[in-house]
Amino acid sequence: EMESVVKKQLGELQERFPKIIGDFRGRGLMHAIYITDPQTGEASNSMARDLTWDIVRRGVMVFYTNRPTIKIVPPLVISEEALLDGIGGIEEALEGLETE
């Protein structure tokens, strides 16, 4: 049930930030966002790392694994409100990249 919420929200983020979010995939609540450098279009480990820490500073626990991806793995018992709040933190961090 919550998978559809995650996919919808991440799809909207990808539409809004197509030069940064190259793709996203997942099943259930476990997803990965593939980060690309908006200048080159290439996968970017460093951008994924920096974006991960910006998201974490906003209170959302995500993971960086030395790849150009950010892993999203919320608890299975998360409420829809909390899930949307977390994705909002990701959105805020992405907005910060646009202003740099």
PDB file of N, CA and C in Angstrom:
ATOM      1  N   GLU A   1       0.815  -1.196   0.000  1.00  0.00           N
ATOM      2  CA  GLU A   1       0.000   0.000   0.000  1.00  0.00           C
ATOM      3  C   GLU A   1       0.865   1.268   0.000  1.00  0.00           C
ATOM      4  N   MET A   2       1.877   1.300   0.861  1.00  0.00           N
ATOM      5  CA  MET A   2       2.737   2.488   0.946  1.00  0.00           C
ATOM      6  C   MET A   2       3.712   2.559  -0.228  1.00  0.00           C
ATOM      7  N   GLU A   3       3.940   1.438  -0.892  1.00  0.00           N
ATOM      8  CA  GLU A   3       4.816   1.446  -2.063  1.00  0.00           C
ATOM      9  C   GLU A   3       4.298   2.423  -3.114  1.00  0.00           C
ATOM     10  N   SER A   4       2.985   2.441  -3.315  1.00  0.00           N
ATOM     11  CA  SER A   4       2.427   3.343  -4.327  1.00  0.00           C
ATOM     12  C   SER A   4       2.661   4.807  -3.947  1.00  0.00           C
ATOM     13  N   VAL A   5       2.647   5.113  -2.659  1.00  0.00           N
ATOM     14  CA  VAL A   5       2.910   6.481  -2.199  1.00  0.00           C
ATOM     15  C   VAL A   5       4.355   6.857  -2.520  1.00  0.00           C
ATOM     16  N   VAL A   6       5.302   5.962  -2.196  1.00  0.00           N
ATOM     17  CA  VAL A   6       6.718   6.228  -2.456  1.00  0.00           C
ATOM     18  C   VAL A   6       6.952   6.421  -3.946  1.00  0.00           C
ATOM     19  N   LYS A   7       6.439   5.516  -4.760  1.00  0.00           N
ATOM     20  CA  LYS A   7       6.656   5.603  -6.210  1.00  0.00           C
ATOM     21  C   LYS A   7       6.075   6.887  -6.784  1.00  0.00           C
ATOM     22  N   LYS A   8       4.889   7.271  -6.332  1.00  0.00           N
ATOM     23  CA  LYS A   8       4.268   8.506  -6.822  1.00  0.00           C
ATOM     24  C   LYS A   8       5.115   9.723  -6.442  1.00  0.00           C
ATOM     25  N   GLN A   9       5.521   9.786  -5.180  1.00  0.00           N
ATOM     26  CA  GLN A   9       6.285  10.933  -4.707  1.00  0.00           C
ATOM     27  C   GLN A   9       7.663  11.015  -5.378  1.00  0.00           C
ATOM     28  N   LEU A  10       8.348   9.885  -5.495  1.00  0.00           N
ATOM     29  CA  LEU A  10       9.654   9.895  -6.145  1.00  0.00           C
ATOM     30  C   LEU A  10       9.520  10.214  -7.634  1.00  0.00           C
ATOM     31  N   GLY A  11       8.452   9.733  -8.254  1.00  0.00           N
ATOM     32  CA  GLY A  11       8.207  10.076  -9.656  1.00  0.00           C
ATOM     33  C   GLY A  11       8.014  11.571  -9.845  1.00  0.00           C
ATOM     34  N   GLU A  12       7.301  12.192  -8.906  1.00  0.00           N
ATOM     35  CA  GLU A  12       7.105  13.643  -8.981  1.00  0.00           C
ATOM     36  C   GLU A  12       8.426  14.388  -8.776  1.00  0.00           C
ATOM     37  N   LEU A  13       9.253  13.872  -7.859  1.00  0.00           N
ATOM     38  CA  LEU A  13      10.563  14.503  -7.665  1.00  0.00           C
ATOM     39  C   LEU A  13      11.427  14.357  -8.923  1.00  0.00           C
ATOM     40  N   GLN A  14      11.371  13.198  -9.555  1.00  0.00           N
ATOM     41  CA  GLN A  14      12.161  12.997 -10.777  1.00  0.00           C
ATOM     42  C   GLN A  14      11.684  13.939 -11.886  1.00  0.00           C
ATOM     43  N   GLU A  15      10.390  14.139 -11.991  1.00  0.00           N
ATOM     44  CA  GLU A  15       9.871  15.082 -12.991  1.00  0.00           C
ATOM     45  C   GLU A  15      10.321  16.509 -12.683  1.00  0.00           C
ATOM     46  N   ARG A  16      10.368  16.855 -11.411  1.00  0.00           N
ATOM     47  CA  ARG A  16      10.749  18.208 -11.016  1.00  0.00           C
ATOM     48  C   ARG A  16      12.255  18.451 -11.113  1.00  0.00           C
ATOM     49  N   PHE A  17      13.060  17.394 -10.865  1.00  0.00           N
ATOM     50  CA  PHE A  17      14.518  17.508 -10.872  1.00  0.00           C
ATOM     51  C   PHE A  17      15.130  16.481 -11.831  1.00  0.00           C
ATOM     52  N   PRO A  18      14.788  16.531 -13.112  1.00  0.00           N
ATOM     53  CA  PRO A  18      15.236  15.487 -14.049  1.00  0.00           C
ATOM     54  C   PRO A  18      16.747  15.484 -14.298  1.00  0.00           C
ATOM     55  N   LYS A  19      17.403  16.591 -14.070  1.00  0.00           N
ATOM     56  CA  LYS A  19      18.861  16.630 -14.290  1.00  0.00           C
ATOM     57  C   LYS A  19      19.639  16.104 -13.089  1.00  0.00           C
ATOM     58  N   ILE A  20      18.965  15.925 -11.958  1.00  0.00           N
ATOM     59  CA  ILE A  20      19.621  15.428 -10.752  1.00  0.00           C
ATOM     60  C   ILE A  20      19.217  13.982 -10.461  1.00  0.00           C
ATOM     61  N   ILE A  21      17.930  13.689 -10.608  1.00  0.00           N
ATOM     62  CA  ILE A  21      17.454  12.321 -10.383  1.00  0.00           C
ATOM     63  C   ILE A  21      17.396  11.622 -11.734  1.00  0.00           C
ATOM     64  N   GLY A  22      18.418  10.816 -12.002  1.00  0.00           N
ATOM     65  CA  GLY A  22      18.475  10.096 -13.274  1.00  0.00           C
ATOM     66  C   GLY A  22      17.459   8.972 -13.346  1.00  0.00           C
ATOM     67  N   ASP A  23      17.171   8.358 -12.190  1.00  0.00           N
ATOM     68  CA  ASP A  23      16.237   7.240 -12.133  1.00  0.00           C
ATOM     69  C   ASP A  23      15.976   6.921 -10.670  1.00  0.00           C
ATOM     70  N   PHE A  24      14.966   6.144 -10.422  1.00  0.00           N
ATOM     71  CA  PHE A  24      14.740   5.592  -9.089  1.00  0.00           C
ATOM     72  C   PHE A  24      14.109   4.226  -9.262  1.00  0.00           C
ATOM     73  N   ARG A  25      14.394   3.340  -8.316  1.00  0.00           N
ATOM     74  CA  ARG A  25      13.859   1.983  -8.364  1.00  0.00           C
ATOM     75  C   ARG A  25      13.653   1.472  -6.960  1.00  0.00           C
ATOM     76  N   GLY A  26      12.831   0.471  -6.872  1.00  0.00           N
ATOM     77  CA  GLY A  26      12.654  -0.163  -5.582  1.00  0.00           C
ATOM     78  C   GLY A  26      11.449  -1.059  -5.553  1.00  0.00           C
ATOM     79  N   ARG A  27      11.262  -1.644  -4.409  1.00  0.00           N
ATOM     80  CA  ARG A  27      10.126  -2.520  -4.170  1.00  0.00           C
ATOM     81  C   ARG A  27       9.694  -2.306  -2.729  1.00  0.00           C
ATOM     82  N   GLY A  28       8.398  -2.258  -2.534  1.00  0.00           N
ATOM     83  CA  GLY A  28       7.894  -1.990  -1.197  1.00  0.00           C
ATOM     84  C   GLY A  28       8.324  -0.594  -0.776  1.00  0.00           C
ATOM     85  N   LEU A  29       8.907  -0.482   0.392  1.00  0.00           N
ATOM     86  CA  LEU A  29       9.373   0.818   0.863  1.00  0.00           C
ATOM     87  C   LEU A  29      10.862   1.029   0.632  1.00  0.00           C
ATOM     88  N   MET A  30      11.562   0.024   0.142  1.00  0.00           N
ATOM     89  CA  MET A  30      13.005   0.141  -0.088  1.00  0.00           C
ATOM     90  C   MET A  30      13.248   0.635  -1.523  1.00  0.00           C
ATOM     91  N   HIS A  31      13.852   1.818  -1.638  1.00  0.00           N
ATOM     92  CA  HIS A  31      14.099   2.425  -2.945  1.00  0.00           C
ATOM     93  C   HIS A  31      15.490   3.043  -3.006  1.00  0.00           C
ATOM     94  N   ALA A  32      15.956   3.243  -4.227  1.00  0.00           N
ATOM     95  CA  ALA A  32      17.221   3.924  -4.475  1.00  0.00           C
ATOM     96  C   ALA A  32      16.973   5.034  -5.487  1.00  0.00           C
ATOM     97  N   ILE A  33      17.564   6.188  -5.218  1.00  0.00           N
ATOM     98  CA  ILE A  33      17.503   7.320  -6.142  1.00  0.00           C
ATOM     99  C   ILE A  33      18.875   7.431  -6.787  1.00  0.00           C
ATOM    100  N   TYR A  34      18.933   7.406  -8.115  1.00  0.00           N
ATOM    101  CA  TYR A  34      20.195   7.510  -8.857  1.00  0.00           C
ATOM    102  C   TYR A  34      20.468   8.974  -9.162  1.00  0.00           C
ATOM    103  N   ILE A  35      21.593   9.457  -8.668  1.00  0.00           N
ATOM    104  CA  ILE A  35      21.933  10.881  -8.757  1.00  0.00           C
ATOM    105  C   ILE A  35      22.893  11.134  -9.919  1.00  0.00           C
ATOM    106  N   THR A  36      22.562  12.147 -10.724  1.00  0.00           N
ATOM    107  CA  THR A  36      23.427  12.543 -11.833  1.00  0.00           C
ATOM    108  C   THR A  36      23.818  14.013 -11.676  1.00  0.00           C
ATOM    109  N   ASP A  37      24.981  14.336 -12.176  1.00  0.00           N
ATOM    110  CA  ASP A  37      25.463  15.705 -12.166  1.00  0.00           C
ATOM    111  C   ASP A  37      24.687  16.481 -13.230  1.00  0.00           C
ATOM    112  N   PRO A  38      23.992  17.553 -12.863  1.00  0.00           N
ATOM    113  CA  PRO A  38      23.197  18.292 -13.846  1.00  0.00           C
ATOM    114  C   PRO A  38      24.031  18.932 -14.952  1.00  0.00           C
ATOM    115  N   GLN A  39      25.312  19.153 -14.695  1.00  0.00           N
ATOM    116  CA  GLN A  39      26.179  19.760 -15.713  1.00  0.00           C
ATOM    117  C   GLN A  39      26.600  18.760 -16.780  1.00  0.00           C
ATOM    118  N   THR A  40      26.885  17.530 -16.348  1.00  0.00           N
ATOM    119  CA  THR A  40      27.429  16.530 -17.280  1.00  0.00           C
ATOM    120  C   THR A  40      26.441  15.428 -17.651  1.00  0.00           C
ATOM    121  N   GLY A  41      25.429  15.215 -16.814  1.00  0.00           N
ATOM    122  CA  GLY A  41      24.498  14.120 -17.038  1.00  0.00           C
ATOM    123  C   GLY A  41      25.050  12.770 -16.604  1.00  0.00           C
ATOM    124  N   GLU A  42      26.277  12.758 -16.064  1.00  0.00           N
ATOM    125  CA  GLU A  42      26.925  11.513 -15.623  1.00  0.00           C
ATOM    126  C   GLU A  42      26.547  11.197 -14.179  1.00  0.00           C
ATOM    127  N   ALA A  43      26.555   9.913 -13.844  1.00  0.00           N
ATOM    128  CA  ALA A  43      26.326   9.494 -12.470  1.00  0.00           C
ATOM    129  C   ALA A  43      27.370  10.154 -11.573  1.00  0.00           C
ATOM    130  N   SER A  44      26.947  10.570 -10.382  1.00  0.00           N
ATOM    131  CA  SER A  44      27.864  11.324  -9.527  1.00  0.00           C
ATOM    132  C   SER A  44      27.863  10.798  -8.093  1.00  0.00           C
ATOM    133  N   ASN A  45      28.935  10.100  -7.748  1.00  0.00           N
ATOM    134  CA  ASN A  45      29.104   9.625  -6.369  1.00  0.00           C
ATOM    135  C   ASN A  45      29.182  10.794  -5.401  1.00  0.00           C
ATOM    136  N   SER A  46      29.953  11.819  -5.752  1.00  0.00           N
ATOM    137  CA  SER A  46      30.151  12.934  -4.824  1.00  0.00           C
ATOM    138  C   SER A  46      28.856  13.704  -4.585  1.00  0.00           C
ATOM    139  N   MET A  47      28.053  13.892  -5.614  1.00  0.00           N
ATOM    140  CA  MET A  47      26.766  14.572  -5.416  1.00  0.00           C
ATOM    141  C   MET A  47      25.847  13.732  -4.548  1.00  0.00           C
ATOM    142  N   ALA A  48      25.838  12.416  -4.774  1.00  0.00           N
ATOM    143  CA  ALA A  48      25.008  11.528  -3.951  1.00  0.00           C
ATOM    144  C   ALA A  48      25.441  11.598  -2.490  1.00  0.00           C
ATOM    145  N   ARG A  49      26.747  11.599  -2.255  1.00  0.00           N
ATOM    146  CA  ARG A  49      27.275  11.684  -0.887  1.00  0.00           C
ATOM    147  C   ARG A  49      26.863  13.001  -0.232  1.00  0.00           C
ATOM    148  N   ASP A  50      27.096  14.101  -0.914  1.00  0.00           N
ATOM    149  CA  ASP A  50      26.780  15.413  -0.349  1.00  0.00           C
ATOM    150  C   ASP A  50      25.275  15.584  -0.130  1.00  0.00           C
ATOM    151  N   LEU A  51      24.494  15.110  -1.075  1.00  0.00           N
ATOM    152  CA  LEU A  51      23.039  15.211  -0.951  1.00  0.00           C
ATOM    153  C   LEU A  51      22.544  14.351   0.208  1.00  0.00           C
ATOM    154  N   THR A  52      23.134  13.178   0.387  1.00  0.00           N
ATOM    155  CA  THR A  52      22.761  12.316   1.517  1.00  0.00           C
ATOM    156  C   THR A  52      22.929  13.055   2.830  1.00  0.00           C
ATOM    157  N   TRP A  53      24.089  13.688   3.012  1.00  0.00           N
ATOM    158  CA  TRP A  53      24.325  14.385   4.287  1.00  0.00           C
ATOM    159  C   TRP A  53      23.407  15.583   4.450  1.00  0.00           C
ATOM    160  N   ASP A  54      23.054  16.249   3.369  1.00  0.00           N
ATOM    161  CA  ASP A  54      22.116  17.362   3.459  1.00  0.00           C
ATOM    162  C   ASP A  54      20.739  16.848   3.882  1.00  0.00           C
ATOM    163  N   ILE A  55      20.326  15.734   3.325  1.00  0.00           N
ATOM    164  CA  ILE A  55      19.030  15.140   3.694  1.00  0.00           C
ATOM    165  C   ILE A  55      19.045  14.720   5.161  1.00  0.00           C
ATOM    166  N   VAL A  56      20.122  14.083   5.604  1.00  0.00           N
ATOM    167  CA  VAL A  56      20.232  13.644   7.003  1.00  0.00           C
ATOM    168  C   VAL A  56      20.176  14.849   7.942  1.00  0.00           C
ATOM    169  N   ARG A  57      20.831  15.936   7.567  1.00  0.00           N
ATOM    170  CA  ARG A  57      20.775  17.153   8.394  1.00  0.00           C
ATOM    171  C   ARG A  57      19.351  17.686   8.527  1.00  0.00           C
ATOM    172  N   ARG A  58      18.518  17.345   7.586  1.00  0.00           N
ATOM    173  CA  ARG A  58      17.117  17.767   7.631  1.00  0.00           C
ATOM    174  C   ARG A  58      16.248  16.785   8.425  1.00  0.00           C
ATOM    175  N   GLY A  59      16.878  15.786   9.025  1.00  0.00           N
ATOM    176  CA  GLY A  59      16.164  14.870   9.900  1.00  0.00           C
ATOM    177  C   GLY A  59      15.626  13.617   9.238  1.00  0.00           C
ATOM    178  N   VAL A  60      16.076  13.332   8.018  1.00  0.00           N
ATOM    179  CA  VAL A  60      15.600  12.153   7.295  1.00  0.00           C
ATOM    180  C   VAL A  60      16.759  11.173   7.165  1.00  0.00           C
ATOM    181  N   MET A  61      16.560   9.948   7.654  1.00  0.00           N
ATOM    182  CA  MET A  61      17.622   8.948   7.598  1.00  0.00           C
ATOM    183  C   MET A  61      17.611   8.260   6.231  1.00  0.00           C
ATOM    184  N   VAL A  62      18.648   8.526   5.450  1.00  0.00           N
ATOM    185  CA  VAL A  62      18.881   7.859   4.168  1.00  0.00           C
ATOM    186  C   VAL A  62      20.325   7.371   4.185  1.00  0.00           C
ATOM    187  N   PHE A  63      20.695   6.560   3.202  1.00  0.00           N
ATOM    188  CA  PHE A  63      22.013   5.936   3.206  1.00  0.00           C
ATOM    189  C   PHE A  63      22.755   6.183   1.907  1.00  0.00           C
ATOM    190  N   TYR A  64      24.053   6.383   2.036  1.00  0.00           N
ATOM    191  CA  TYR A  64      24.962   6.497   0.900  1.00  0.00           C
ATOM    192  C   TYR A  64      25.912   5.305   0.968  1.00  0.00           C
ATOM    193  N   THR A  65      26.139   4.634  -0.168  1.00  0.00           N
ATOM    194  CA  THR A  65      26.948   3.408  -0.153  1.00  0.00           C
ATOM    195  C   THR A  65      28.101   3.464  -1.154  1.00  0.00           C
ATOM    196  N   ASN A  66      28.738   4.631  -1.272  1.00  0.00           N
ATOM    197  CA  ASN A  66      29.861   4.817  -2.201  1.00  0.00           C
ATOM    198  C   ASN A  66      29.483   4.536  -3.645  1.00  0.00           C
ATOM    199  N   ARG A  67      28.274   4.823  -3.978  1.00  0.00           N
ATOM    200  CA  ARG A  67      27.763   4.708  -5.350  1.00  0.00           C
ATOM    201  C   ARG A  67      26.934   5.960  -5.624  1.00  0.00           C
ATOM    202  N   PRO A  68      26.560   6.171  -6.868  1.00  0.00           N
ATOM    203  CA  PRO A  68      25.771   7.381  -7.164  1.00  0.00           C
ATOM    204  C   PRO A  68      24.293   7.216  -6.811  1.00  0.00           C
ATOM    205  N   THR A  69      24.037   6.571  -5.684  1.00  0.00           N
ATOM    206  CA  THR A  69      22.652   6.354  -5.265  1.00  0.00           C
ATOM    207  C   THR A  69      22.454   6.773  -3.813  1.00  0.00           C
ATOM    208  N   ILE A  70      21.222   7.109  -3.538  1.00  0.00           N
ATOM    209  CA  ILE A  70      20.786   7.360  -2.170  1.00  0.00           C
ATOM    210  C   ILE A  70      19.732   6.315  -1.866  1.00  0.00           C
ATOM    211  N   LYS A  71      19.930   5.572  -0.793  1.00  0.00           N
ATOM    212  CA  LYS A  71      19.011   4.503  -0.401  1.00  0.00           C
ATOM    213  C   LYS A  71      17.986   5.041   0.592  1.00  0.00           C
ATOM    214  N   ILE A  72      16.736   4.721   0.314  1.00  0.00           N
ATOM    215  CA  ILE A  72      15.629   5.102   1.177  1.00  0.00           C
ATOM    216  C   ILE A  72      15.028   3.806   1.723  1.00  0.00           C
ATOM    217  N   VAL A  73      15.052   3.659   3.044  1.00  0.00           N
ATOM    218  CA  VAL A  73      14.542   2.429   3.650  1.00  0.00           C
ATOM    219  C   VAL A  73      13.785   2.794   4.935  1.00  0.00           C
ATOM    220  N   PRO A  74      12.579   3.332   4.803  1.00  0.00           N
ATOM    221  CA  PRO A  74      11.823   3.676   6.012  1.00  0.00           C
ATOM    222  C   PRO A  74      11.299   2.411   6.701  1.00  0.00           C
ATOM    223  N   PRO A  75      10.947   2.519   7.967  1.00  0.00           N
ATOM    224  CA  PRO A  75      10.396   1.358   8.660  1.00  0.00           C
ATOM    225  C   PRO A  75       9.063   0.935   8.030  1.00  0.00           C
ATOM    226  N   LEU A  76       8.786  -0.339   8.057  1.00  0.00           N
ATOM    227  CA  LEU A  76       7.564  -0.861   7.444  1.00  0.00           C
ATOM    228  C   LEU A  76       6.302  -0.350   8.130  1.00  0.00           C
ATOM    229  N   VAL A  77       6.418   0.116   9.361  1.00  0.00           N
ATOM    230  CA  VAL A  77       5.246   0.594  10.103  1.00  0.00           C
ATOM    231  C   VAL A  77       5.082   2.114  10.004  1.00  0.00           C
ATOM    232  N   ILE A  78       5.813   2.769   9.112  1.00  0.00           N
ATOM    233  CA  ILE A  78       5.752   4.223   8.993  1.00  0.00           C
ATOM    234  C   ILE A  78       4.355   4.665   8.548  1.00  0.00           C
ATOM    235  N   SER A  79       3.906   5.770   9.098  1.00  0.00           N
ATOM    236  CA  SER A  79       2.620   6.326   8.677  1.00  0.00           C
ATOM    237  C   SER A  79       2.804   7.074   7.360  1.00  0.00           C
ATOM    238  N   GLU A  80       1.724   7.248   6.641  1.00  0.00           N
ATOM    239  CA  GLU A  80       1.813   7.986   5.377  1.00  0.00           C
ATOM    240  C   GLU A  80       2.262   9.419   5.635  1.00  0.00           C
ATOM    241  N   GLU A  81       1.791  10.020   6.710  1.00  0.00           N
ATOM    242  CA  GLU A  81       2.183  11.386   7.040  1.00  0.00           C
ATOM    243  C   GLU A  81       3.695  11.489   7.269  1.00  0.00           C
ATOM    244  N   ALA A  82       4.256  10.542   8.015  1.00  0.00           N
ATOM    245  CA  ALA A  82       5.694  10.555   8.273  1.00  0.00           C
ATOM    246  C   ALA A  82       6.479  10.293   6.992  1.00  0.00           C
ATOM    247  N   LEU A  83       5.969   9.412   6.138  1.00  0.00           N
ATOM    248  CA  LEU A  83       6.629   9.126   4.865  1.00  0.00           C
ATOM    249  C   LEU A  83       6.665  10.370   3.984  1.00  0.00           C
ATOM    250  N   LEU A  84       5.541  11.060   3.890  1.00  0.00           N
ATOM    251  CA  LEU A  84       5.487  12.285   3.086  1.00  0.00           C
ATOM    252  C   LEU A  84       6.386  13.369   3.668  1.00  0.00           C
ATOM    253  N   ASP A  85       6.475  13.430   4.986  1.00  0.00           N
ATOM    254  CA  ASP A  85       7.360  14.397   5.637  1.00  0.00           C
ATOM    255  C   ASP A  85       8.817  14.107   5.278  1.00  0.00           C
ATOM    256  N   GLY A  86       9.198  12.833   5.288  1.00  0.00           N
ATOM    257  CA  GLY A  86      10.559  12.447   4.926  1.00  0.00           C
ATOM    258  C   GLY A  86      10.884  12.767   3.484  1.00  0.00           C
ATOM    259  N   ILE A  87       9.955  12.483   2.600  1.00  0.00           N
ATOM    260  CA  ILE A  87      10.179  12.799   1.186  1.00  0.00           C
ATOM    261  C   ILE A  87      10.237  14.312   0.990  1.00  0.00           C
ATOM    262  N   GLY A  88       9.509  15.037   1.821  1.00  0.00           N
ATOM    263  CA  GLY A  88       9.606  16.500   1.801  1.00  0.00           C
ATOM    264  C   GLY A  88      11.005  16.980   2.152  1.00  0.00           C
ATOM    265  N   GLY A  89      11.668  16.292   3.076  1.00  0.00           N
ATOM    266  CA  GLY A  89      13.053  16.633   3.417  1.00  0.00           C
ATOM    267  C   GLY A  89      13.991  16.397   2.245  1.00  0.00           C
ATOM    268  N   ILE A  90      13.743  15.339   1.499  1.00  0.00           N
ATOM    269  CA  ILE A  90      14.540  15.064   0.293  1.00  0.00           C
ATOM    270  C   ILE A  90      14.310  16.176  -0.725  1.00  0.00           C
ATOM    271  N   GLU A  91      13.066  16.576  -0.875  1.00  0.00           N
ATOM    272  CA  GLU A  91      12.733  17.653  -1.812  1.00  0.00           C
ATOM    273  C   GLU A  91      13.426  18.958  -1.437  1.00  0.00           C
ATOM    274  N   GLU A  92      13.442  19.284  -0.155  1.00  0.00           N
ATOM    275  CA  GLU A  92      14.113  20.505   0.296  1.00  0.00           C
ATOM    276  C   GLU A  92      15.602  20.475  -0.035  1.00  0.00           C
ATOM    277  N   ALA A  93      16.229  19.331   0.164  1.00  0.00           N
ATOM    278  CA  ALA A  93      17.660  19.210  -0.150  1.00  0.00           C
ATOM    279  C   ALA A  93      17.893  19.376  -1.651  1.00  0.00           C
ATOM    280  N   LEU A  94      17.014  18.807  -2.470  1.00  0.00           N
ATOM    281  CA  LEU A  94      17.135  18.957  -3.926  1.00  0.00           C
ATOM    282  C   LEU A  94      16.944  20.411  -4.337  1.00  0.00           C
ATOM    283  N   GLU A  95      16.018  21.099  -3.696  1.00  0.00           N
ATOM    284  CA  GLU A  95      15.806  22.519  -3.981  1.00  0.00           C
ATOM    285  C   GLU A  95      17.077  23.312  -3.661  1.00  0.00           C
ATOM    286  N   GLY A  96      17.764  22.923  -2.603  1.00  0.00           N
ATOM    287  CA  GLY A  96      19.004  23.589  -2.239  1.00  0.00           C
ATOM    288  C   GLY A  96      20.058  23.463  -3.315  1.00  0.00           C
ATOM    289  N   LEU A  97      20.068  22.341  -4.021  1.00  0.00           N
ATOM    290  CA  LEU A  97      21.020  22.168  -5.118  1.00  0.00           C
ATOM    291  C   LEU A  97      20.725  23.107  -6.274  1.00  0.00           C
ATOM    292  N   GLU A  98      19.461  23.402  -6.488  1.00  0.00           N
ATOM    293  CA  GLU A  98      19.082  24.291  -7.584  1.00  0.00           C
ATOM    294  C   GLU A  98      19.571  25.717  -7.359  1.00  0.00           C
ATOM    295  N   THR A  99      19.668  26.109  -6.093  1.00  0.00           N
ATOM    296  CA  THR A  99      20.063  27.494  -5.810  1.00  0.00           C
ATOM    297  C   THR A  99      21.565  27.684  -5.762  1.00  0.00           C
ATOM    298  N   GLU A 100      22.321  26.590  -5.806  1.00  0.00           N
ATOM    299  CA  GLU A 100      23.786  26.697  -5.759  1.00  0.00           C
ATOM    300  C   GLU A 100      24.351  27.081  -7.089  1.00  0.00           C
TER     301      GLU A 100
END
